[in-house]
Amino acid sequence: MSESEVTFSVGMTCSGCSGAIERILKKLDGVVEINCDIDKKEVVVKFDKAKVTPQDMHDKMKKWAESAGKELGPVPEAA
């Protein structure tokens, strides 16, 4: 497994937001670990880059952000 990490900027305001993000990302094959920080408005994801890309994750979160009226930053570079 080729594990990588990426940090998304997400306009989360409550535990409901972070819970929704976690549920969305857990459905993607290759997502290993998700850490949401509501105070920093960041979602750090460890993932298998052979199975999923930051763009894949961003696309899924974008649908949620638009329906929830939340901001979502651009697709970040994986570390």
PDB file of N, CA and C in Angstrom:
ATOM      1  N   MET A   1       0.849  -1.173   0.000  1.00  0.00           N
ATOM      2  CA  MET A   1       0.000   0.000   0.000  1.00  0.00           C
ATOM      3  C   MET A   1       0.894   1.234   0.000  1.00  0.00           C
ATOM      4  N   SER A   2       0.540   2.178  -0.833  1.00  0.00           N
ATOM      5  CA  SER A   2       1.267   3.439  -0.938  1.00  0.00           C
ATOM      6  C   SER A   2       0.453   4.519  -0.231  1.00  0.00           C
ATOM      7  N   GLU A   3       0.729   4.717   1.059  1.00  0.00           N
ATOM      8  CA  GLU A   3      -0.084   5.622   1.873  1.00  0.00           C
ATOM      9  C   GLU A   3       0.405   7.055   1.753  1.00  0.00           C
ATOM     10  N   SER A   4      -0.549   7.968   1.694  1.00  0.00           N
ATOM     11  CA  SER A   4      -0.263   9.389   1.625  1.00  0.00           C
ATOM     12  C   SER A   4      -1.239  10.117   2.531  1.00  0.00           C
ATOM     13  N   GLU A   5      -1.035  11.428   2.687  1.00  0.00           N
ATOM     14  CA  GLU A   5      -1.893  12.229   3.555  1.00  0.00           C
ATOM     15  C   GLU A   5      -2.211  13.546   2.862  1.00  0.00           C
ATOM     16  N   VAL A   6      -3.427  14.032   3.066  1.00  0.00           N
ATOM     17  CA  VAL A   6      -3.851  15.286   2.464  1.00  0.00           C
ATOM     18  C   VAL A   6      -4.725  16.040   3.469  1.00  0.00           C
ATOM     19  N   THR A   7      -4.641  17.374   3.445  1.00  0.00           N
ATOM     20  CA  THR A   7      -5.435  18.211   4.344  1.00  0.00           C
ATOM     21  C   THR A   7      -6.359  19.096   3.524  1.00  0.00           C
ATOM     22  N   PHE A   8      -7.660  18.950   3.766  1.00  0.00           N
ATOM     23  CA  PHE A   8      -8.672  19.746   3.085  1.00  0.00           C
ATOM     24  C   PHE A   8      -9.146  20.872   3.991  1.00  0.00           C
ATOM     25  N   SER A   9      -9.456  22.000   3.395  1.00  0.00           N
ATOM     26  CA  SER A   9     -10.065  23.129   4.100  1.00  0.00           C
ATOM     27  C   SER A   9     -11.574  23.021   3.890  1.00  0.00           C
ATOM     28  N   VAL A  10     -12.306  22.789   4.998  1.00  0.00           N
ATOM     29  CA  VAL A  10     -13.752  22.562   4.908  1.00  0.00           C
ATOM     30  C   VAL A  10     -14.463  23.445   5.934  1.00  0.00           C
ATOM     31  N   GLY A  11     -15.493  24.142   5.512  1.00  0.00           N
ATOM     32  CA  GLY A  11     -16.237  25.050   6.390  1.00  0.00           C
ATOM     33  C   GLY A  11     -17.158  24.340   7.360  1.00  0.00           C
ATOM     34  N   MET A  12     -16.602  23.468   8.191  1.00  0.00           N
ATOM     35  CA  MET A  12     -17.399  22.748   9.197  1.00  0.00           C
ATOM     36  C   MET A  12     -17.694  23.672  10.373  1.00  0.00           C
ATOM     37  N   THR A  13     -18.901  23.578  10.892  1.00  0.00           N
ATOM     38  CA  THR A  13     -19.271  24.418  12.033  1.00  0.00           C
ATOM     39  C   THR A  13     -19.727  23.618  13.255  1.00  0.00           C
ATOM     40  N   CYS A  14     -19.906  22.306  13.077  1.00  0.00           N
ATOM     41  CA  CYS A  14     -20.402  21.512  14.207  1.00  0.00           C
ATOM     42  C   CYS A  14     -20.038  20.037  14.022  1.00  0.00           C
ATOM     43  N   SER A  15     -20.357  19.230  15.028  1.00  0.00           N
ATOM     44  CA  SER A  15     -20.059  17.800  14.956  1.00  0.00           C
ATOM     45  C   SER A  15     -20.908  17.110  13.891  1.00  0.00           C
ATOM     46  N   GLY A  16     -22.050  17.685  13.562  1.00  0.00           N
ATOM     47  CA  GLY A  16     -22.862  17.137  12.477  1.00  0.00           C
ATOM     48  C   GLY A  16     -22.131  17.233  11.155  1.00  0.00           C
ATOM     49  N   CYS A  17     -21.447  18.354  10.955  1.00  0.00           N
ATOM     50  CA  CYS A  17     -20.661  18.550   9.730  1.00  0.00           C
ATOM     51  C   CYS A  17     -19.528  17.530   9.656  1.00  0.00           C
ATOM     52  N   SER A  18     -18.776  17.409  10.732  1.00  0.00           N
ATOM     53  CA  SER A  18     -17.635  16.485  10.719  1.00  0.00           C
ATOM     54  C   SER A  18     -18.112  15.047  10.570  1.00  0.00           C
ATOM     55  N   GLY A  19     -19.225  14.711  11.188  1.00  0.00           N
ATOM     56  CA  GLY A  19     -19.781  13.363  11.052  1.00  0.00           C
ATOM     57  C   GLY A  19     -20.189  13.072   9.614  1.00  0.00           C
ATOM     58  N   ALA A  20     -20.791  14.057   8.954  1.00  0.00           N
ATOM     59  CA  ALA A  20     -21.193  13.883   7.558  1.00  0.00           C
ATOM     60  C   ALA A  20     -19.973  13.678   6.667  1.00  0.00           C
ATOM     61  N   ILE A  21     -18.937  14.476   6.897  1.00  0.00           N
ATOM     62  CA  ILE A  21     -17.700  14.342   6.108  1.00  0.00           C
ATOM     63  C   ILE A  21     -17.094  12.955   6.312  1.00  0.00           C
ATOM     64  N   GLU A  22     -17.043  12.497   7.548  1.00  0.00           N
ATOM     65  CA  GLU A  22     -16.475  11.174   7.823  1.00  0.00           C
ATOM     66  C   GLU A  22     -17.270  10.078   7.128  1.00  0.00           C
ATOM     67  N   ARG A  23     -18.597  10.159   7.183  1.00  0.00           N
ATOM     68  CA  ARG A  23     -19.436   9.145   6.527  1.00  0.00           C
ATOM     69  C   ARG A  23     -19.202   9.143   5.014  1.00  0.00           C
ATOM     70  N   ILE A  24     -19.092  10.317   4.429  1.00  0.00           N
ATOM     71  CA  ILE A  24     -18.877  10.441   2.984  1.00  0.00           C
ATOM     72  C   ILE A  24     -17.535   9.824   2.587  1.00  0.00           C
ATOM     73  N   LEU A  25     -16.481  10.194   3.303  1.00  0.00           N
ATOM     74  CA  LEU A  25     -15.141   9.729   2.932  1.00  0.00           C
ATOM     75  C   LEU A  25     -14.919   8.252   3.215  1.00  0.00           C
ATOM     76  N   LYS A  26     -15.548   7.716   4.269  1.00  0.00           N
ATOM     77  CA  LYS A  26     -15.382   6.297   4.611  1.00  0.00           C
ATOM     78  C   LYS A  26     -15.919   5.388   3.510  1.00  0.00           C
ATOM     79  N   LYS A  27     -16.829   5.904   2.687  1.00  0.00           N
ATOM     80  CA  LYS A  27     -17.393   5.097   1.602  1.00  0.00           C
ATOM     81  C   LYS A  27     -16.407   4.894   0.454  1.00  0.00           C
ATOM     82  N   LEU A  28     -15.352   5.699   0.409  1.00  0.00           N
ATOM     83  CA  LEU A  28     -14.372   5.597  -0.669  1.00  0.00           C
ATOM     84  C   LEU A  28     -13.336   4.531  -0.358  1.00  0.00           C
ATOM     85  N   ASP A  29     -13.164   3.601  -1.282  1.00  0.00           N
ATOM     86  CA  ASP A  29     -12.143   2.570  -1.130  1.00  0.00           C
ATOM     87  C   ASP A  29     -10.770   3.224  -1.158  1.00  0.00           C
ATOM     88  N   GLY A  30      -9.962   2.938  -0.182  1.00  0.00           N
ATOM     89  CA  GLY A  30      -8.610   3.493  -0.114  1.00  0.00           C
ATOM     90  C   GLY A  30      -8.429   4.523   0.978  1.00  0.00           C
ATOM     91  N   VAL A  31      -9.528   5.014   1.553  1.00  0.00           N
ATOM     92  CA  VAL A  31      -9.417   5.955   2.673  1.00  0.00           C
ATOM     93  C   VAL A  31      -9.089   5.145   3.923  1.00  0.00           C
ATOM     94  N   VAL A  32      -7.978   5.499   4.572  1.00  0.00           N
ATOM     95  CA  VAL A  32      -7.471   4.735   5.710  1.00  0.00           C
ATOM     96  C   VAL A  32      -7.871   5.371   7.037  1.00  0.00           C
ATOM     97  N   GLU A  33      -7.738   6.689   7.136  1.00  0.00           N
ATOM     98  CA  GLU A  33      -8.011   7.396   8.398  1.00  0.00           C
ATOM     99  C   GLU A  33      -8.487   8.812   8.098  1.00  0.00           C
ATOM    100  N   ILE A  34      -9.447   9.295   8.909  1.00  0.00           N
ATOM    101  CA  ILE A  34      -9.995  10.640   8.745  1.00  0.00           C
ATOM    102  C   ILE A  34      -9.959  11.346  10.089  1.00  0.00           C
ATOM    103  N   ASN A  35      -9.395  12.554  10.108  1.00  0.00           N
ATOM    104  CA  ASN A  35      -9.383  13.363  11.323  1.00  0.00           C
ATOM    105  C   ASN A  35      -9.956  14.740  11.001  1.00  0.00           C
ATOM    106  N   CYS A  36     -11.104  15.049  11.605  1.00  0.00           N
ATOM    107  CA  CYS A  36     -11.754  16.345  11.393  1.00  0.00           C
ATOM    108  C   CYS A  36     -11.452  17.259  12.566  1.00  0.00           C
ATOM    109  N   ASP A  37     -11.064  18.486  12.277  1.00  0.00           N
ATOM    110  CA  ASP A  37     -10.818  19.499  13.300  1.00  0.00           C
ATOM    111  C   ASP A  37     -11.743  20.677  13.011  1.00  0.00           C
ATOM    112  N   ILE A  38     -12.822  20.763  13.776  1.00  0.00           N
ATOM    113  CA  ILE A  38     -13.825  21.809  13.555  1.00  0.00           C
ATOM    114  C   ILE A  38     -13.238  23.194  13.803  1.00  0.00           C
ATOM    115  N   ASP A  39     -12.411  23.339  14.834  1.00  0.00           N
ATOM    116  CA  ASP A  39     -11.824  24.644  15.161  1.00  0.00           C
ATOM    117  C   ASP A  39     -10.933  25.168  14.039  1.00  0.00           C
ATOM    118  N   LYS A  40     -10.125  24.288  13.463  1.00  0.00           N
ATOM    119  CA  LYS A  40      -9.231  24.692  12.373  1.00  0.00           C
ATOM    120  C   LYS A  40      -9.926  24.631  11.011  1.00  0.00           C
ATOM    121  N   LYS A  41     -11.109  24.019  10.982  1.00  0.00           N
ATOM    122  CA  LYS A  41     -11.861  23.809   9.737  1.00  0.00           C
ATOM    123  C   LYS A  41     -11.024  23.018   8.732  1.00  0.00           C
ATOM    124  N   GLU A  42     -10.417  21.941   9.248  1.00  0.00           N
ATOM    125  CA  GLU A  42      -9.566  21.082   8.426  1.00  0.00           C
ATOM    126  C   GLU A  42      -9.983  19.623   8.543  1.00  0.00           C
ATOM    127  N   VAL A  43      -9.804  18.908   7.448  1.00  0.00           N
ATOM    128  CA  VAL A  43     -10.009  17.463   7.433  1.00  0.00           C
ATOM    129  C   VAL A  43      -8.714  16.853   6.901  1.00  0.00           C
ATOM    130  N   VAL A  44      -8.059  16.056   7.737  1.00  0.00           N
ATOM    131  CA  VAL A  44      -6.821  15.380   7.349  1.00  0.00           C
ATOM    132  C   VAL A  44      -7.172  13.926   7.036  1.00  0.00           C
ATOM    133  N   VAL A  45      -6.801  13.488   5.847  1.00  0.00           N
ATOM    134  CA  VAL A  45      -7.147  12.143   5.400  1.00  0.00           C
ATOM    135  C   VAL A  45      -5.879  11.382   5.028  1.00  0.00           C
ATOM    136  N   LYS A  46      -5.725  10.190   5.611  1.00  0.00           N
ATOM    137  CA  LYS A  46      -4.674   9.265   5.196  1.00  0.00           C
ATOM    138  C   LYS A  46      -5.337   8.301   4.224  1.00  0.00           C
ATOM    139  N   PHE A  47      -4.645   8.046   3.106  1.00  0.00           N
ATOM    140  CA  PHE A  47      -5.277   7.242   2.067  1.00  0.00           C
ATOM    141  C   PHE A  47      -4.243   6.470   1.253  1.00  0.00           C
ATOM    142  N   ASP A  48      -4.729   5.444   0.566  1.00  0.00           N
ATOM    143  CA  ASP A  48      -3.915   4.650  -0.340  1.00  0.00           C
ATOM    144  C   ASP A  48      -4.018   5.305  -1.708  1.00  0.00           C
ATOM    145  N   LYS A  49      -2.935   5.936  -2.157  1.00  0.00           N
ATOM    146  CA  LYS A  49      -2.996   6.699  -3.402  1.00  0.00           C
ATOM    147  C   LYS A  49      -3.106   5.820  -4.641  1.00  0.00           C
ATOM    148  N   ALA A  50      -2.991   4.516  -4.476  1.00  0.00           N
ATOM    149  CA  ALA A  50      -3.219   3.600  -5.593  1.00  0.00           C
ATOM    150  C   ALA A  50      -4.716   3.352  -5.802  1.00  0.00           C
ATOM    151  N   LYS A  51      -5.534   3.707  -4.788  1.00  0.00           N
ATOM    152  CA  LYS A  51      -6.970   3.426  -4.861  1.00  0.00           C
ATOM    153  C   LYS A  51      -7.847   4.675  -4.948  1.00  0.00           C
ATOM    154  N   VAL A  52      -7.395   5.793  -4.399  1.00  0.00           N
ATOM    155  CA  VAL A  52      -8.223   6.997  -4.352  1.00  0.00           C
ATOM    156  C   VAL A  52      -7.316   8.223  -4.448  1.00  0.00           C
ATOM    157  N   THR A  53      -7.841   9.307  -5.017  1.00  0.00           N
ATOM    158  CA  THR A  53      -7.057  10.536  -5.171  1.00  0.00           C
ATOM    159  C   THR A  53      -7.683  11.670  -4.371  1.00  0.00           C
ATOM    160  N   PRO A  54      -6.904  12.716  -4.088  1.00  0.00           N
ATOM    161  CA  PRO A  54      -7.484  13.890  -3.433  1.00  0.00           C
ATOM    162  C   PRO A  54      -8.661  14.466  -4.239  1.00  0.00           C
ATOM    163  N   GLN A  55      -8.587  14.389  -5.563  1.00  0.00           N
ATOM    164  CA  GLN A  55      -9.685  14.894  -6.401  1.00  0.00           C
ATOM    165  C   GLN A  55     -10.958  14.076  -6.166  1.00  0.00           C
ATOM    166  N   ASP A  56     -10.828  12.753  -6.034  1.00  0.00           N
ATOM    167  CA  ASP A  56     -11.989  11.896  -5.757  1.00  0.00           C
ATOM    168  C   ASP A  56     -12.658  12.319  -4.452  1.00  0.00           C
ATOM    169  N   MET A  57     -11.841  12.532  -3.430  1.00  0.00           N
ATOM    170  CA  MET A  57     -12.375  12.917  -2.123  1.00  0.00           C
ATOM    171  C   MET A  57     -13.016  14.302  -2.189  1.00  0.00           C
ATOM    172  N   HIS A  58     -12.361  15.220  -2.866  1.00  0.00           N
ATOM    173  CA  HIS A  58     -12.873  16.588  -3.009  1.00  0.00           C
ATOM    174  C   HIS A  58     -14.221  16.568  -3.720  1.00  0.00           C
ATOM    175  N   ASP A  59     -14.339  15.773  -4.773  1.00  0.00           N
ATOM    176  CA  ASP A  59     -15.592  15.685  -5.520  1.00  0.00           C
ATOM    177  C   ASP A  59     -16.742  15.235  -4.627  1.00  0.00           C
ATOM    178  N   LYS A  60     -16.502  14.250  -3.781  1.00  0.00           N
ATOM    179  CA  LYS A  60     -17.543  13.761  -2.858  1.00  0.00           C
ATOM    180  C   LYS A  60     -17.908  14.825  -1.825  1.00  0.00           C
ATOM    181  N   MET A  61     -16.900  15.495  -1.266  1.00  0.00           N
ATOM    182  CA  MET A  61     -17.181  16.521  -0.259  1.00  0.00           C
ATOM    183  C   MET A  61     -17.850  17.743  -0.879  1.00  0.00           C
ATOM    184  N   LYS A  62     -17.564  18.022  -2.133  1.00  0.00           N
ATOM    185  CA  LYS A  62     -18.149  19.186  -2.806  1.00  0.00           C
ATOM    186  C   LYS A  62     -19.668  19.070  -2.882  1.00  0.00           C
ATOM    187  N   LYS A  63     -20.162  17.873  -3.177  1.00  0.00           N
ATOM    188  CA  LYS A  63     -21.614  17.652  -3.228  1.00  0.00           C
ATOM    189  C   LYS A  63     -22.238  17.976  -1.873  1.00  0.00           C
ATOM    190  N   TRP A  64     -21.606  17.511  -0.790  1.00  0.00           N
ATOM    191  CA  TRP A  64     -22.110  17.789   0.545  1.00  0.00           C
ATOM    192  C   TRP A  64     -22.036  19.287   0.837  1.00  0.00           C
ATOM    193  N   ALA A  65     -20.900  19.918   0.544  1.00  0.00           N
ATOM    194  CA  ALA A  65     -20.703  21.338   0.836  1.00  0.00           C
ATOM    195  C   ALA A  65     -21.751  22.197   0.134  1.00  0.00           C
ATOM    196  N   GLU A  66     -22.030  21.894  -1.112  1.00  0.00           N
ATOM    197  CA  GLU A  66     -23.022  22.668  -1.857  1.00  0.00           C
ATOM    198  C   GLU A  66     -24.413  22.502  -1.266  1.00  0.00           C
ATOM    199  N   SER A  67     -24.782  21.278  -0.903  1.00  0.00           N
ATOM    200  CA  SER A  67     -26.122  21.050  -0.356  1.00  0.00           C
ATOM    201  C   SER A  67     -26.265  21.607   1.058  1.00  0.00           C
ATOM    202  N   ALA A  68     -25.147  21.662   1.811  1.00  0.00           N
ATOM    203  CA  ALA A  68     -25.183  22.156   3.195  1.00  0.00           C
ATOM    204  C   ALA A  68     -24.862  23.651   3.282  1.00  0.00           C
ATOM    205  N   GLY A  69     -24.516  24.264   2.151  1.00  0.00           N
ATOM    206  CA  GLY A  69     -24.168  25.681   2.164  1.00  0.00           C
ATOM    207  C   GLY A  69     -22.849  25.962   2.871  1.00  0.00           C
ATOM    208  N   LYS A  70     -21.908  25.038   2.766  1.00  0.00           N
ATOM    209  CA  LYS A  70     -20.604  25.171   3.420  1.00  0.00           C
ATOM    210  C   LYS A  70     -19.519  25.431   2.381  1.00  0.00           C
ATOM    211  N   GLU A  71     -18.437  26.064   2.825  1.00  0.00           N
ATOM    212  CA  GLU A  71     -17.307  26.325   1.935  1.00  0.00           C
ATOM    213  C   GLU A  71     -16.363  25.133   1.909  1.00  0.00           C
ATOM    214  N   LEU A  72     -15.770  24.920   0.738  1.00  0.00           N
ATOM    215  CA  LEU A  72     -14.775  23.872   0.558  1.00  0.00           C
ATOM    216  C   LEU A  72     -13.641  24.457  -0.260  1.00  0.00           C
ATOM    217  N   GLY A  73     -12.434  24.387   0.283  1.00  0.00           N
ATOM    218  CA  GLY A  73     -11.262  24.938  -0.400  1.00  0.00           C
ATOM    219  C   GLY A  73     -10.920  24.123  -1.637  1.00  0.00           C
ATOM    220  N   PRO A  74      -9.890  24.541  -2.365  1.00  0.00           N
ATOM    221  CA  PRO A  74      -9.462  23.822  -3.570  1.00  0.00           C
ATOM    222  C   PRO A  74      -8.860  22.464  -3.236  1.00  0.00           C
ATOM    223  N   VAL A  75      -8.652  21.671  -4.252  1.00  0.00           N
ATOM    224  CA  VAL A  75      -8.037  20.341  -4.072  1.00  0.00           C
ATOM    225  C   VAL A  75      -6.584  20.547  -3.659  1.00  0.00           C
ATOM    226  N   PRO A  76      -6.208  20.038  -2.480  1.00  0.00           N
ATOM    227  CA  PRO A  76      -4.815  20.207  -2.024  1.00  0.00           C
ATOM    228  C   PRO A  76      -3.882  19.159  -2.624  1.00  0.00           C
ATOM    229  N   GLU A  77      -2.605  19.433  -2.529  1.00  0.00           N
ATOM    230  CA  GLU A  77      -1.571  18.475  -2.939  1.00  0.00           C
ATOM    231  C   GLU A  77      -1.415  17.434  -1.839  1.00  0.00           C
ATOM    232  N   ALA A  78      -1.224  16.195  -2.210  1.00  0.00           N
ATOM    233  CA  ALA A  78      -0.991  15.126  -1.235  1.00  0.00           C
ATOM    234  C   ALA A  78       0.454  15.185  -0.758  1.00  0.00           C
ATOM    235  N   ALA A  79       0.651  14.859   0.514  1.00  0.00           N
ATOM    236  CA  ALA A  79       1.999  14.838   1.091  1.00  0.00           C
ATOM    237  C   ALA A  79       2.594  13.454   0.985  1.00  0.00           C
TER     238      ALA A  79
END
